[in-house]
């Protein structure tokens, strides 16, 4: 399968994050994609460098002031104190209920909180460059599919599906899957289906498309009553306005078996088929793997081949975009299994 990689992803390499209140080494680390790239090269796959600038599409899925902040956040951080080069910035205050978010504060940490949904999305000096190159890779893969390729894979990090119109979160800064869907729309697809199979609900993607009828968003994920991102991903969230009926959440309890998970996948595929999509984007989170350190589903590596096979039977031009998956050593095998399963059909 044609694969675009992110040549700048290693520049996003923060040292630590906060997980359940504790400071821990980052789960979302460069080794994740290194393993995937290694597995792809082992099967003879060439990795293509992004050749499409995502900037015009980014402004269609993200707010201008958010994009402007991301581009210069690290420079703003260093301007406060050059010693900050060795310190990771984290937000400590957020504009929750009754607080205003329309005015941009002058204080950097307050601005960081304005554009963050959590304090688990650490930045580093190369974060913007890595995130932008990932969005370019997604735009490149989608452009190729729009031009007639059966499928393409965007192999990138940081992931994207928790990034909303004007906020970062869950390791995500720019929403790569949303970029891919928007590129497909811009290049002629009347309706795009966007299927998120990550363990965690794609809250950012849902927020971007929630009032739109041209992108059907479906997510299979851990029940938000107990699993991150907690505040979105319930079955009664079905879209608003023109988007009413174009959002489907399929939450499953922690510990869900592969059998039950595949039943949910079947429901998702049935909805995609019934609503007449012209193209498919898959937010390919692989943290549904039974050995994932921060997730609680039970798919084995062999099950990911089945995932690819089922998606192929939809018969749609497809863009795969890598999302989560934190059992880094197994991530390459699991990703390649999905792609191989898809290509075998």
C-alpha atoms as a PDB file:
ATOM      1  CA  UNK A   1       0.000   0.000   0.000  1.00  0.00           C
ATOM      2  CA  UNK A   2       1.231   3.486  -0.835  1.00  0.00           C
ATOM      3  CA  UNK A   3       2.528   4.996   2.404  1.00  0.00           C
ATOM      4  CA  UNK A   4       3.391   8.547   3.330  1.00  0.00           C
ATOM      5  CA  UNK A   5       5.540   8.947   6.408  1.00  0.00           C
ATOM      6  CA  UNK A   6       6.458  11.918   8.568  1.00  0.00           C
ATOM      7  CA  UNK A   7      10.164  12.733   8.192  1.00  0.00           C
ATOM      8  CA  UNK A   8      10.014  15.204  11.094  1.00  0.00           C
ATOM      9  CA  UNK A   9       8.147  13.137  13.691  1.00  0.00           C
ATOM     10  CA  UNK A  10      11.221  12.568  15.874  1.00  0.00           C
ATOM     11  CA  UNK A  11      11.401  16.302  16.562  1.00  0.00           C
ATOM     12  CA  UNK A  12       8.340  15.891  18.766  1.00  0.00           C
ATOM     13  CA  UNK A  13       9.958  14.061  21.660  1.00  0.00           C
ATOM     14  CA  UNK A  14       8.844  15.418  25.038  1.00  0.00           C
ATOM     15  CA  UNK A  15      10.380  13.570  27.968  1.00  0.00           C
ATOM     16  CA  UNK A  16       7.409  13.172  30.275  1.00  0.00           C
ATOM     17  CA  UNK A  17       3.670  13.585  30.662  1.00  0.00           C
ATOM     18  CA  UNK A  18       1.122  13.489  33.457  1.00  0.00           C
ATOM     19  CA  UNK A  19      -0.921  10.282  33.565  1.00  0.00           C
ATOM     20  CA  UNK A  20      -3.613   9.970  36.214  1.00  0.00           C
ATOM     21  CA  UNK A  21      -1.874  12.648  38.247  1.00  0.00           C
ATOM     22  CA  UNK A  22       1.591  11.111  38.086  1.00  0.00           C
ATOM     23  CA  UNK A  23       4.600  12.350  36.114  1.00  0.00           C
ATOM     24  CA  UNK A  24       5.625   9.462  33.841  1.00  0.00           C
ATOM     25  CA  UNK A  25       7.703   8.942  30.664  1.00  0.00           C
ATOM     26  CA  UNK A  26       5.671   9.664  27.558  1.00  0.00           C
ATOM     27  CA  UNK A  27       3.631   6.797  26.154  1.00  0.00           C
ATOM     28  CA  UNK A  28       3.398   8.656  22.837  1.00  0.00           C
ATOM     29  CA  UNK A  29       7.064   8.493  21.791  1.00  0.00           C
ATOM     30  CA  UNK A  30       9.094   8.401  18.557  1.00  0.00           C
ATOM     31  CA  UNK A  31       9.705   4.648  18.877  1.00  0.00           C
ATOM     32  CA  UNK A  32       6.030   4.058  18.054  1.00  0.00           C
ATOM     33  CA  UNK A  33       6.413   5.138  14.446  1.00  0.00           C
ATOM     34  CA  UNK A  34       9.964   3.815  14.215  1.00  0.00           C
ATOM     35  CA  UNK A  35       8.561   0.317  14.771  1.00  0.00           C
ATOM     36  CA  UNK A  36       5.838   0.835  12.167  1.00  0.00           C
ATOM     37  CA  UNK A  37       8.293   2.153   9.602  1.00  0.00           C
ATOM     38  CA  UNK A  38      10.587  -0.791  10.315  1.00  0.00           C
ATOM     39  CA  UNK A  39       7.764  -3.262   9.745  1.00  0.00           C
ATOM     40  CA  UNK A  40       6.780  -1.535   6.515  1.00  0.00           C
ATOM     41  CA  UNK A  41      10.348  -1.558   5.176  1.00  0.00           C
ATOM     42  CA  UNK A  42      10.696  -5.233   6.114  1.00  0.00           C
ATOM     43  CA  UNK A  43       7.847  -6.032   3.720  1.00  0.00           C
ATOM     44  CA  UNK A  44       9.539  -4.011   0.959  1.00  0.00           C
ATOM     45  CA  UNK A  45       7.374  -0.913   1.347  1.00  0.00           C
ATOM     46  CA  UNK A  46       8.722   2.416   0.132  1.00  0.00           C
ATOM     47  CA  UNK A  47       7.923   5.361   2.380  1.00  0.00           C
ATOM     48  CA  UNK A  48       7.013   8.512   0.491  1.00  0.00           C
ATOM     49  CA  UNK A  49       7.716  12.030   1.708  1.00  0.00           C
ATOM     50  CA  UNK A  50       4.682  14.353   1.924  1.00  0.00           C
ATOM     51  CA  UNK A  51       4.231  16.392  -1.236  1.00  0.00           C
ATOM     52  CA  UNK A  52       1.045  18.344  -0.456  1.00  0.00           C
ATOM     53  CA  UNK A  53       0.924  21.442   1.762  1.00  0.00           C
ATOM     54  CA  UNK A  54      -1.923  21.006   4.242  1.00  0.00           C
ATOM     55  CA  UNK A  55      -2.072  24.702   5.200  1.00  0.00           C
ATOM     56  CA  UNK A  56      -5.195  25.576   3.134  1.00  0.00           C
ATOM     57  CA  UNK A  57      -7.069  22.579   4.528  1.00  0.00           C
ATOM     58  CA  UNK A  58      -5.923  23.152   8.112  1.00  0.00           C
ATOM     59  CA  UNK A  59      -7.734  26.475   8.039  1.00  0.00           C
ATOM     60  CA  UNK A  60     -10.922  24.625   7.052  1.00  0.00           C
ATOM     61  CA  UNK A  61     -10.866  22.293  10.063  1.00  0.00           C
ATOM     62  CA  UNK A  62      -9.090  24.377  12.732  1.00  0.00           C
ATOM     63  CA  UNK A  63      -9.639  27.934  13.989  1.00  0.00           C
ATOM     64  CA  UNK A  64      -7.123  30.542  12.771  1.00  0.00           C
ATOM     65  CA  UNK A  65      -6.190  31.744  16.264  1.00  0.00           C
ATOM     66  CA  UNK A  66      -5.482  28.168  17.372  1.00  0.00           C
ATOM     67  CA  UNK A  67      -3.238  27.512  14.377  1.00  0.00           C
ATOM     68  CA  UNK A  68      -1.412  30.788  14.988  1.00  0.00           C
ATOM     69  CA  UNK A  69      -0.806  29.813  18.604  1.00  0.00           C
ATOM     70  CA  UNK A  70       0.526  26.354  17.727  1.00  0.00           C
ATOM     71  CA  UNK A  71       2.944  27.737  15.153  1.00  0.00           C
ATOM     72  CA  UNK A  72       4.618  30.034  17.650  1.00  0.00           C
ATOM     73  CA  UNK A  73       3.945  28.390  21.032  1.00  0.00           C
ATOM     74  CA  UNK A  74       7.490  27.169  21.602  1.00  0.00           C
ATOM     75  CA  UNK A  75       8.962  30.528  20.642  1.00  0.00           C
ATOM     76  CA  UNK A  76       6.525  32.234  23.030  1.00  0.00           C
ATOM     77  CA  UNK A  77       7.632  29.846  25.781  1.00  0.00           C
ATOM     78  CA  UNK A  78      11.319  30.606  25.200  1.00  0.00           C
ATOM     79  CA  UNK A  79      10.644  34.348  25.090  1.00  0.00           C
ATOM     80  CA  UNK A  80       9.551  34.176  28.723  1.00  0.00           C
ATOM     81  CA  UNK A  81      12.916  32.732  29.771  1.00  0.00           C
ATOM     82  CA  UNK A  82      15.644  31.129  27.630  1.00  0.00           C
ATOM     83  CA  UNK A  83      16.022  28.482  30.347  1.00  0.00           C
ATOM     84  CA  UNK A  84      12.579  27.213  29.324  1.00  0.00           C
ATOM     85  CA  UNK A  85      14.336  25.346  26.509  1.00  0.00           C
ATOM     86  CA  UNK A  86      14.823  22.551  29.038  1.00  0.00           C
ATOM     87  CA  UNK A  87      11.357  22.775  30.595  1.00  0.00           C
ATOM     88  CA  UNK A  88       8.129  21.345  29.194  1.00  0.00           C
ATOM     89  CA  UNK A  89       5.196  23.770  29.386  1.00  0.00           C
ATOM     90  CA  UNK A  90       1.947  22.470  30.857  1.00  0.00           C
ATOM     91  CA  UNK A  91      -1.359  24.312  31.341  1.00  0.00           C
ATOM     92  CA  UNK A  92      -2.596  24.841  34.875  1.00  0.00           C
ATOM     93  CA  UNK A  93      -5.884  26.666  34.309  1.00  0.00           C
ATOM     94  CA  UNK A  94      -8.710  26.147  31.813  1.00  0.00           C
ATOM     95  CA  UNK A  95     -11.760  28.271  30.810  1.00  0.00           C
ATOM     96  CA  UNK A  96     -14.429  25.872  32.091  1.00  0.00           C
ATOM     97  CA  UNK A  97     -18.102  26.695  32.708  1.00  0.00           C
ATOM     98  CA  UNK A  98     -18.884  30.391  33.330  1.00  0.00           C
ATOM     99  CA  UNK A  99     -15.324  31.448  32.354  1.00  0.00           C
ATOM    100  CA  UNK A 100     -14.713  33.313  29.109  1.00  0.00           C
ATOM    101  CA  UNK A 101     -12.870  31.807  26.152  1.00  0.00           C
ATOM    102  CA  UNK A 102     -13.500  34.577  23.615  1.00  0.00           C
ATOM    103  CA  UNK A 103     -10.665  36.786  24.886  1.00  0.00           C
ATOM    104  CA  UNK A 104      -7.080  35.607  24.501  1.00  0.00           C
ATOM    105  CA  UNK A 105      -5.088  36.202  27.714  1.00  0.00           C
ATOM    106  CA  UNK A 106      -1.605  37.693  27.623  1.00  0.00           C
ATOM    107  CA  UNK A 107      -0.190  35.131  30.044  1.00  0.00           C
ATOM    108  CA  UNK A 108       1.364  32.227  28.132  1.00  0.00           C
ATOM    109  CA  UNK A 109       0.275  29.468  30.501  1.00  0.00           C
ATOM    110  CA  UNK A 110      -3.267  30.846  30.379  1.00  0.00           C
ATOM    111  CA  UNK A 111      -3.150  30.797  26.571  1.00  0.00           C
ATOM    112  CA  UNK A 112      -1.911  27.243  26.715  1.00  0.00           C
ATOM    113  CA  UNK A 113      -4.904  26.364  28.884  1.00  0.00           C
ATOM    114  CA  UNK A 114      -7.247  28.162  26.508  1.00  0.00           C
ATOM    115  CA  UNK A 115      -6.181  25.863  23.681  1.00  0.00           C
ATOM    116  CA  UNK A 116      -5.853  22.617  25.699  1.00  0.00           C
ATOM    117  CA  UNK A 117      -8.392  20.061  26.905  1.00  0.00           C
ATOM    118  CA  UNK A 118      -5.955  18.384  29.308  1.00  0.00           C
ATOM    119  CA  UNK A 119      -2.450  18.549  30.727  1.00  0.00           C
ATOM    120  CA  UNK A 120      -1.461  15.287  29.060  1.00  0.00           C
ATOM    121  CA  UNK A 121      -0.358  16.758  25.738  1.00  0.00           C
ATOM    122  CA  UNK A 122       3.247  17.858  26.243  1.00  0.00           C
ATOM    123  CA  UNK A 123       5.071  20.093  23.795  1.00  0.00           C
ATOM    124  CA  UNK A 124       8.689  20.098  22.650  1.00  0.00           C
ATOM    125  CA  UNK A 125      10.757  22.312  20.393  1.00  0.00           C
ATOM    126  CA  UNK A 126       9.840  20.306  17.289  1.00  0.00           C
ATOM    127  CA  UNK A 127       6.150  19.831  18.019  1.00  0.00           C
ATOM    128  CA  UNK A 128       4.754  22.235  15.431  1.00  0.00           C
ATOM    129  CA  UNK A 129       7.058  21.009  12.662  1.00  0.00           C
ATOM    130  CA  UNK A 130       6.185  17.381  13.410  1.00  0.00           C
ATOM    131  CA  UNK A 131       2.439  18.040  13.622  1.00  0.00           C
ATOM    132  CA  UNK A 132       2.440  20.076  10.397  1.00  0.00           C
ATOM    133  CA  UNK A 133       4.443  17.430   8.527  1.00  0.00           C
ATOM    134  CA  UNK A 134       1.936  14.826   9.733  1.00  0.00           C
ATOM    135  CA  UNK A 135      -0.942  16.888   8.390  1.00  0.00           C
ATOM    136  CA  UNK A 136       0.954  17.227   5.107  1.00  0.00           C
ATOM    137  CA  UNK A 137       1.299  13.429   5.007  1.00  0.00           C
ATOM    138  CA  UNK A 138      -2.441  13.019   5.563  1.00  0.00           C
ATOM    139  CA  UNK A 139      -3.217  15.556   2.843  1.00  0.00           C
ATOM    140  CA  UNK A 140      -0.801  13.802   0.482  1.00  0.00           C
ATOM    141  CA  UNK A 141      -2.359  10.382   1.102  1.00  0.00           C
ATOM    142  CA  UNK A 142      -5.876  11.738   0.622  1.00  0.00           C
ATOM    143  CA  UNK A 143      -4.905  13.558  -2.568  1.00  0.00           C
ATOM    144  CA  UNK A 144      -3.513  10.346  -4.031  1.00  0.00           C
ATOM    145  CA  UNK A 145      -6.732   8.486  -3.193  1.00  0.00           C
ATOM    146  CA  UNK A 146      -8.838  11.314  -4.621  1.00  0.00           C
ATOM    147  CA  UNK A 147      -6.849  10.965  -7.835  1.00  0.00           C
ATOM    148  CA  UNK A 148      -7.728   7.288  -8.166  1.00  0.00           C
ATOM    149  CA  UNK A 149      -5.544   5.190  -5.853  1.00  0.00           C
ATOM    150  CA  UNK A 150      -7.453   2.426  -4.084  1.00  0.00           C
ATOM    151  CA  UNK A 151      -5.881   3.179  -0.706  1.00  0.00           C
ATOM    152  CA  UNK A 152      -3.024   4.971   1.035  1.00  0.00           C
ATOM    153  CA  UNK A 153      -1.575   4.946   4.540  1.00  0.00           C
ATOM    154  CA  UNK A 154      -0.471   8.004   6.514  1.00  0.00           C
ATOM    155  CA  UNK A 155       2.181   6.751   8.956  1.00  0.00           C
ATOM    156  CA  UNK A 156       2.689   9.621  11.359  1.00  0.00           C
ATOM    157  CA  UNK A 157       2.821  10.919  14.884  1.00  0.00           C
ATOM    158  CA  UNK A 158       1.814  12.827  16.931  1.00  0.00           C
ATOM    159  CA  UNK A 159      -1.701  11.439  16.459  1.00  0.00           C
ATOM    160  CA  UNK A 160      -4.620  13.729  15.705  1.00  0.00           C
ATOM    161  CA  UNK A 161      -8.123  12.566  16.557  1.00  0.00           C
ATOM    162  CA  UNK A 162      -8.415  14.327  19.946  1.00  0.00           C
ATOM    163  CA  UNK A 163      -7.515  17.708  18.398  1.00  0.00           C
ATOM    164  CA  UNK A 164     -10.668  19.763  17.898  1.00  0.00           C
ATOM    165  CA  UNK A 165     -11.400  22.948  15.997  1.00  0.00           C
ATOM    166  CA  UNK A 166      -9.516  25.091  18.525  1.00  0.00           C
ATOM    167  CA  UNK A 167      -7.906  22.798  21.069  1.00  0.00           C
ATOM    168  CA  UNK A 168      -5.228  20.169  21.560  1.00  0.00           C
ATOM    169  CA  UNK A 169      -5.493  17.113  23.792  1.00  0.00           C
ATOM    170  CA  UNK A 170      -4.707  13.427  24.168  1.00  0.00           C
ATOM    171  CA  UNK A 171      -1.258  13.812  22.534  1.00  0.00           C
ATOM    172  CA  UNK A 172      -2.942  15.442  19.500  1.00  0.00           C
ATOM    173  CA  UNK A 173      -2.328  18.890  17.992  1.00  0.00           C
ATOM    174  CA  UNK A 174      -3.617  18.803  14.392  1.00  0.00           C
ATOM    175  CA  UNK A 175      -6.422  16.487  13.313  1.00  0.00           C
ATOM    176  CA  UNK A 176      -4.881  14.442  10.508  1.00  0.00           C
ATOM    177  CA  UNK A 177      -7.992  12.362   9.817  1.00  0.00           C
ATOM    178  CA  UNK A 178     -10.102  15.511   9.521  1.00  0.00           C
ATOM    179  CA  UNK A 179      -7.532  16.918   7.095  1.00  0.00           C
ATOM    180  CA  UNK A 180      -7.784  13.754   4.987  1.00  0.00           C
ATOM    181  CA  UNK A 181     -11.585  13.869   4.977  1.00  0.00           C
ATOM    182  CA  UNK A 182     -11.621  17.540   4.010  1.00  0.00           C
ATOM    183  CA  UNK A 183      -9.141  16.955   1.177  1.00  0.00           C
ATOM    184  CA  UNK A 184     -11.383  14.199  -0.189  1.00  0.00           C
ATOM    185  CA  UNK A 185     -14.377  16.536  -0.016  1.00  0.00           C
ATOM    186  CA  UNK A 186     -12.455  19.357  -1.678  1.00  0.00           C
ATOM    187  CA  UNK A 187     -11.449  17.044  -4.500  1.00  0.00           C
ATOM    188  CA  UNK A 188     -14.892  15.754  -5.358  1.00  0.00           C
ATOM    189  CA  UNK A 189     -16.204  13.228  -2.835  1.00  0.00           C
ATOM    190  CA  UNK A 190     -19.809  14.142  -2.061  1.00  0.00           C
ATOM    191  CA  UNK A 191     -19.808  12.293   1.259  1.00  0.00           C
ATOM    192  CA  UNK A 192     -16.930  10.857   3.265  1.00  0.00           C
ATOM    193  CA  UNK A 193     -17.223   8.242   5.994  1.00  0.00           C
ATOM    194  CA  UNK A 194     -14.709   8.683   8.802  1.00  0.00           C
ATOM    195  CA  UNK A 195     -14.391   5.578  10.970  1.00  0.00           C
ATOM    196  CA  UNK A 196     -12.400   5.842  14.208  1.00  0.00           C
ATOM    197  CA  UNK A 197     -11.289   2.472  15.630  1.00  0.00           C
ATOM    198  CA  UNK A 198      -8.963   3.832  18.315  1.00  0.00           C
ATOM    199  CA  UNK A 199      -9.636   2.696  21.885  1.00  0.00           C
ATOM    200  CA  UNK A 200     -10.327   6.311  22.831  1.00  0.00           C
ATOM    201  CA  UNK A 201     -13.206   8.288  21.354  1.00  0.00           C
ATOM    202  CA  UNK A 202     -12.239  10.698  18.591  1.00  0.00           C
ATOM    203  CA  UNK A 203     -13.745  13.696  20.345  1.00  0.00           C
ATOM    204  CA  UNK A 204     -11.860  16.229  18.256  1.00  0.00           C
ATOM    205  CA  UNK A 205     -13.023  14.703  14.983  1.00  0.00           C
ATOM    206  CA  UNK A 206     -16.606  14.544  16.226  1.00  0.00           C
ATOM    207  CA  UNK A 207     -16.454  18.206  17.219  1.00  0.00           C
ATOM    208  CA  UNK A 208     -15.131  19.274  13.822  1.00  0.00           C
ATOM    209  CA  UNK A 209     -17.863  17.532  11.818  1.00  0.00           C
ATOM    210  CA  UNK A 210     -20.771  17.441  14.287  1.00  0.00           C
ATOM    211  CA  UNK A 211     -22.961  19.890  12.351  1.00  0.00           C
ATOM    212  CA  UNK A 212     -22.061  18.627   8.880  1.00  0.00           C
ATOM    213  CA  UNK A 213     -23.874  16.100   6.697  1.00  0.00           C
ATOM    214  CA  UNK A 214     -21.010  15.607   4.230  1.00  0.00           C
ATOM    215  CA  UNK A 215     -18.821  13.659   6.671  1.00  0.00           C
ATOM    216  CA  UNK A 216     -20.320  10.684   8.498  1.00  0.00           C
ATOM    217  CA  UNK A 217     -18.354  10.144  11.710  1.00  0.00           C
ATOM    218  CA  UNK A 218     -18.424   6.767  13.463  1.00  0.00           C
ATOM    219  CA  UNK A 219     -16.363   5.817  16.506  1.00  0.00           C
ATOM    220  CA  UNK A 220     -15.899   2.453  18.266  1.00  0.00           C
ATOM    221  CA  UNK A 221     -14.294   3.124  21.623  1.00  0.00           C
ATOM    222  CA  UNK A 222     -14.074   2.573  25.355  1.00  0.00           C
ATOM    223  CA  UNK A 223     -17.118   3.785  27.263  1.00  0.00           C
ATOM    224  CA  UNK A 224     -16.453   7.442  28.190  1.00  0.00           C
ATOM    225  CA  UNK A 225     -18.085   6.930  31.574  1.00  0.00           C
ATOM    226  CA  UNK A 226     -14.832   5.245  32.590  1.00  0.00           C
ATOM    227  CA  UNK A 227     -12.357   5.892  29.732  1.00  0.00           C
ATOM    228  CA  UNK A 228     -10.593   8.968  28.326  1.00  0.00           C
ATOM    229  CA  UNK A 229     -11.707  11.465  26.999  1.00  0.00           C
ATOM    230  CA  UNK A 230     -14.630  11.031  29.441  1.00  0.00           C
ATOM    231  CA  UNK A 231     -16.747  13.994  28.320  1.00  0.00           C
ATOM    232  CA  UNK A 232     -17.754  12.904  24.805  1.00  0.00           C
ATOM    233  CA  UNK A 233     -18.520   9.706  22.949  1.00  0.00           C
ATOM    234  CA  UNK A 234     -21.974   8.691  24.229  1.00  0.00           C
ATOM    235  CA  UNK A 235     -24.619   7.007  22.024  1.00  0.00           C
ATOM    236  CA  UNK A 236     -27.033   9.957  22.234  1.00  0.00           C
ATOM    237  CA  UNK A 237     -24.561  12.221  20.397  1.00  0.00           C
ATOM    238  CA  UNK A 238     -25.923  11.935  16.864  1.00  0.00           C
ATOM    239  CA  UNK A 239     -25.146  15.330  15.313  1.00  0.00           C
ATOM    240  CA  UNK A 240     -26.861  18.716  15.225  1.00  0.00           C
ATOM    241  CA  UNK A 241     -28.389  20.893  12.506  1.00  0.00           C
ATOM    242  CA  UNK A 242     -27.466  19.615   9.063  1.00  0.00           C
ATOM    243  CA  UNK A 243     -25.315  17.000  10.791  1.00  0.00           C
ATOM    244  CA  UNK A 244     -28.212  15.364  12.648  1.00  0.00           C
ATOM    245  CA  UNK A 245     -27.977  11.628  12.071  1.00  0.00           C
ATOM    246  CA  UNK A 246     -24.399  11.763  10.764  1.00  0.00           C
ATOM    247  CA  UNK A 247     -22.619  10.922  14.023  1.00  0.00           C
ATOM    248  CA  UNK A 248     -22.612   7.406  15.462  1.00  0.00           C
ATOM    249  CA  UNK A 249     -20.864   6.454  18.696  1.00  0.00           C
ATOM    250  CA  UNK A 250     -20.465   2.791  19.617  1.00  0.00           C
ATOM    251  CA  UNK A 251     -18.997   2.773  23.139  1.00  0.00           C
ATOM    252  CA  UNK A 252     -17.951  -0.550  24.647  1.00  0.00           C
ATOM    253  CA  UNK A 253     -17.019  -1.431  28.237  1.00  0.00           C
ATOM    254  CA  UNK A 254     -13.431  -1.891  29.313  1.00  0.00           C
ATOM    255  CA  UNK A 255     -12.425  -5.516  28.850  1.00  0.00           C
ATOM    256  CA  UNK A 256     -14.512  -6.000  25.705  1.00  0.00           C
ATOM    257  CA  UNK A 257     -13.635  -9.187  23.815  1.00  0.00           C
ATOM    258  CA  UNK A 258     -12.622  -9.333  20.171  1.00  0.00           C
ATOM    259  CA  UNK A 259     -15.940 -10.997  19.327  1.00  0.00           C
ATOM    260  CA  UNK A 260     -17.980  -8.124  20.747  1.00  0.00           C
ATOM    261  CA  UNK A 261     -15.663  -5.553  19.186  1.00  0.00           C
ATOM    262  CA  UNK A 262     -16.123  -7.091  15.734  1.00  0.00           C
ATOM    263  CA  UNK A 263     -19.898  -6.988  16.215  1.00  0.00           C
ATOM    264  CA  UNK A 264     -19.541  -3.224  16.695  1.00  0.00           C
ATOM    265  CA  UNK A 265     -17.350  -3.008  13.602  1.00  0.00           C
ATOM    266  CA  UNK A 266     -20.079  -4.784  11.650  1.00  0.00           C
ATOM    267  CA  UNK A 267     -22.629  -2.204  12.840  1.00  0.00           C
ATOM    268  CA  UNK A 268     -20.288   0.590  11.776  1.00  0.00           C
ATOM    269  CA  UNK A 269     -19.764  -0.920   8.338  1.00  0.00           C
ATOM    270  CA  UNK A 270     -23.507  -1.384   7.863  1.00  0.00           C
ATOM    271  CA  UNK A 271     -24.091   2.315   8.589  1.00  0.00           C
ATOM    272  CA  UNK A 272     -21.340   3.347   6.193  1.00  0.00           C
ATOM    273  CA  UNK A 273     -22.843   1.192   3.446  1.00  0.00           C
ATOM    274  CA  UNK A 274     -26.363   2.480   4.044  1.00  0.00           C
ATOM    275  CA  UNK A 275     -25.401   6.136   3.868  1.00  0.00           C
ATOM    276  CA  UNK A 276     -23.702   6.024   0.517  1.00  0.00           C
ATOM    277  CA  UNK A 277     -20.202   7.298   1.222  1.00  0.00           C
ATOM    278  CA  UNK A 278     -17.894   7.930  -1.729  1.00  0.00           C
ATOM    279  CA  UNK A 279     -14.690   7.487   0.252  1.00  0.00           C
ATOM    280  CA  UNK A 280     -13.479   6.256   3.637  1.00  0.00           C
ATOM    281  CA  UNK A 281     -10.994   7.642   6.139  1.00  0.00           C
ATOM    282  CA  UNK A 282      -9.926   5.315   8.952  1.00  0.00           C
ATOM    283  CA  UNK A 283      -8.525   6.758  12.167  1.00  0.00           C
ATOM    284  CA  UNK A 284      -6.349   3.716  12.715  1.00  0.00           C
ATOM    285  CA  UNK A 285      -5.830   3.543  16.438  1.00  0.00           C
ATOM    286  CA  UNK A 286      -4.193   0.239  17.384  1.00  0.00           C
ATOM    287  CA  UNK A 287      -4.502   0.604  21.146  1.00  0.00           C
ATOM    288  CA  UNK A 288      -7.352  -1.919  21.033  1.00  0.00           C
ATOM    289  CA  UNK A 289      -4.506  -4.467  21.192  1.00  0.00           C
ATOM    290  CA  UNK A 290      -4.648  -6.784  24.209  1.00  0.00           C
ATOM    291  CA  UNK A 291      -1.152  -5.750  25.335  1.00  0.00           C
ATOM    292  CA  UNK A 292      -1.641  -1.990  25.218  1.00  0.00           C
ATOM    293  CA  UNK A 293      -0.468  -0.367  28.474  1.00  0.00           C
ATOM    294  CA  UNK A 294      -3.178   2.307  28.713  1.00  0.00           C
ATOM    295  CA  UNK A 295      -6.177   0.640  27.043  1.00  0.00           C
ATOM    296  CA  UNK A 296      -8.474  -2.249  27.903  1.00  0.00           C
ATOM    297  CA  UNK A 297      -9.736  -4.127  24.864  1.00  0.00           C
ATOM    298  CA  UNK A 298      -8.623  -7.620  23.864  1.00  0.00           C
ATOM    299  CA  UNK A 299      -7.753  -7.740  20.152  1.00  0.00           C
ATOM    300  CA  UNK A 300      -4.817 -10.013  19.293  1.00  0.00           C
ATOM    301  CA  UNK A 301      -2.359  -9.184  16.517  1.00  0.00           C
ATOM    302  CA  UNK A 302      -4.077 -11.643  14.150  1.00  0.00           C
ATOM    303  CA  UNK A 303      -7.378  -9.818  14.655  1.00  0.00           C
ATOM    304  CA  UNK A 304      -6.028  -6.735  12.923  1.00  0.00           C
ATOM    305  CA  UNK A 305      -5.817  -8.664   9.666  1.00  0.00           C
ATOM    306  CA  UNK A 306      -9.572  -9.247   9.994  1.00  0.00           C
ATOM    307  CA  UNK A 307     -10.070  -5.506  10.515  1.00  0.00           C
ATOM    308  CA  UNK A 308      -8.369  -4.756   7.203  1.00  0.00           C
ATOM    309  CA  UNK A 309     -10.322  -7.469   5.396  1.00  0.00           C
ATOM    310  CA  UNK A 310     -13.671  -6.157   6.620  1.00  0.00           C
ATOM    311  CA  UNK A 311     -12.888  -2.577   5.702  1.00  0.00           C
ATOM    312  CA  UNK A 312     -11.779  -3.649   2.233  1.00  0.00           C
ATOM    313  CA  UNK A 313     -15.159  -5.261   1.627  1.00  0.00           C
ATOM    314  CA  UNK A 314     -16.774  -1.824   1.865  1.00  0.00           C
ATOM    315  CA  UNK A 315     -15.297  -1.260  -1.586  1.00  0.00           C
ATOM    316  CA  UNK A 316     -14.427   2.388  -0.944  1.00  0.00           C
ATOM    317  CA  UNK A 317     -11.317   4.414  -1.763  1.00  0.00           C
ATOM    318  CA  UNK A 318      -9.650   4.477   1.652  1.00  0.00           C
ATOM    319  CA  UNK A 319      -7.153   6.580   3.579  1.00  0.00           C
ATOM    320  CA  UNK A 320      -5.673   5.032   6.720  1.00  0.00           C
ATOM    321  CA  UNK A 321      -4.305   7.505   9.273  1.00  0.00           C
ATOM    322  CA  UNK A 322      -2.262   6.205  12.199  1.00  0.00           C
ATOM    323  CA  UNK A 323      -3.577   7.257  15.611  1.00  0.00           C
ATOM    324  CA  UNK A 324      -2.917   5.610  19.000  1.00  0.00           C
ATOM    325  CA  UNK A 325      -1.251   2.370  20.002  1.00  0.00           C
ATOM    326  CA  UNK A 326       1.209   2.372  22.878  1.00  0.00           C
ATOM    327  CA  UNK A 327       2.553  -1.176  22.932  1.00  0.00           C
ATOM    328  CA  UNK A 328       5.292   0.223  20.730  1.00  0.00           C
ATOM    329  CA  UNK A 329       7.142  -2.987  19.892  1.00  0.00           C
ATOM    330  CA  UNK A 330       3.963  -4.658  18.586  1.00  0.00           C
ATOM    331  CA  UNK A 331       2.643  -1.577  16.801  1.00  0.00           C
ATOM    332  CA  UNK A 332       4.467  -2.322  13.553  1.00  0.00           C
ATOM    333  CA  UNK A 333       3.071  -5.841  13.319  1.00  0.00           C
ATOM    334  CA  UNK A 334      -0.445  -4.693  14.109  1.00  0.00           C
ATOM    335  CA  UNK A 335      -0.383  -1.852  11.585  1.00  0.00           C
ATOM    336  CA  UNK A 336       1.014  -4.036   8.803  1.00  0.00           C
ATOM    337  CA  UNK A 337      -1.597  -6.702   9.565  1.00  0.00           C
ATOM    338  CA  UNK A 338      -4.403  -4.200   8.924  1.00  0.00           C
ATOM    339  CA  UNK A 339      -2.866  -3.099   5.639  1.00  0.00           C
ATOM    340  CA  UNK A 340      -2.148  -6.660   4.520  1.00  0.00           C
ATOM    341  CA  UNK A 341      -5.702  -7.715   5.371  1.00  0.00           C
ATOM    342  CA  UNK A 342      -7.071  -4.829   3.320  1.00  0.00           C
ATOM    343  CA  UNK A 343      -4.902  -5.629   0.312  1.00  0.00           C
ATOM    344  CA  UNK A 344      -5.753  -9.345   0.348  1.00  0.00           C
ATOM    345  CA  UNK A 345      -9.411  -8.645  -0.491  1.00  0.00           C
END
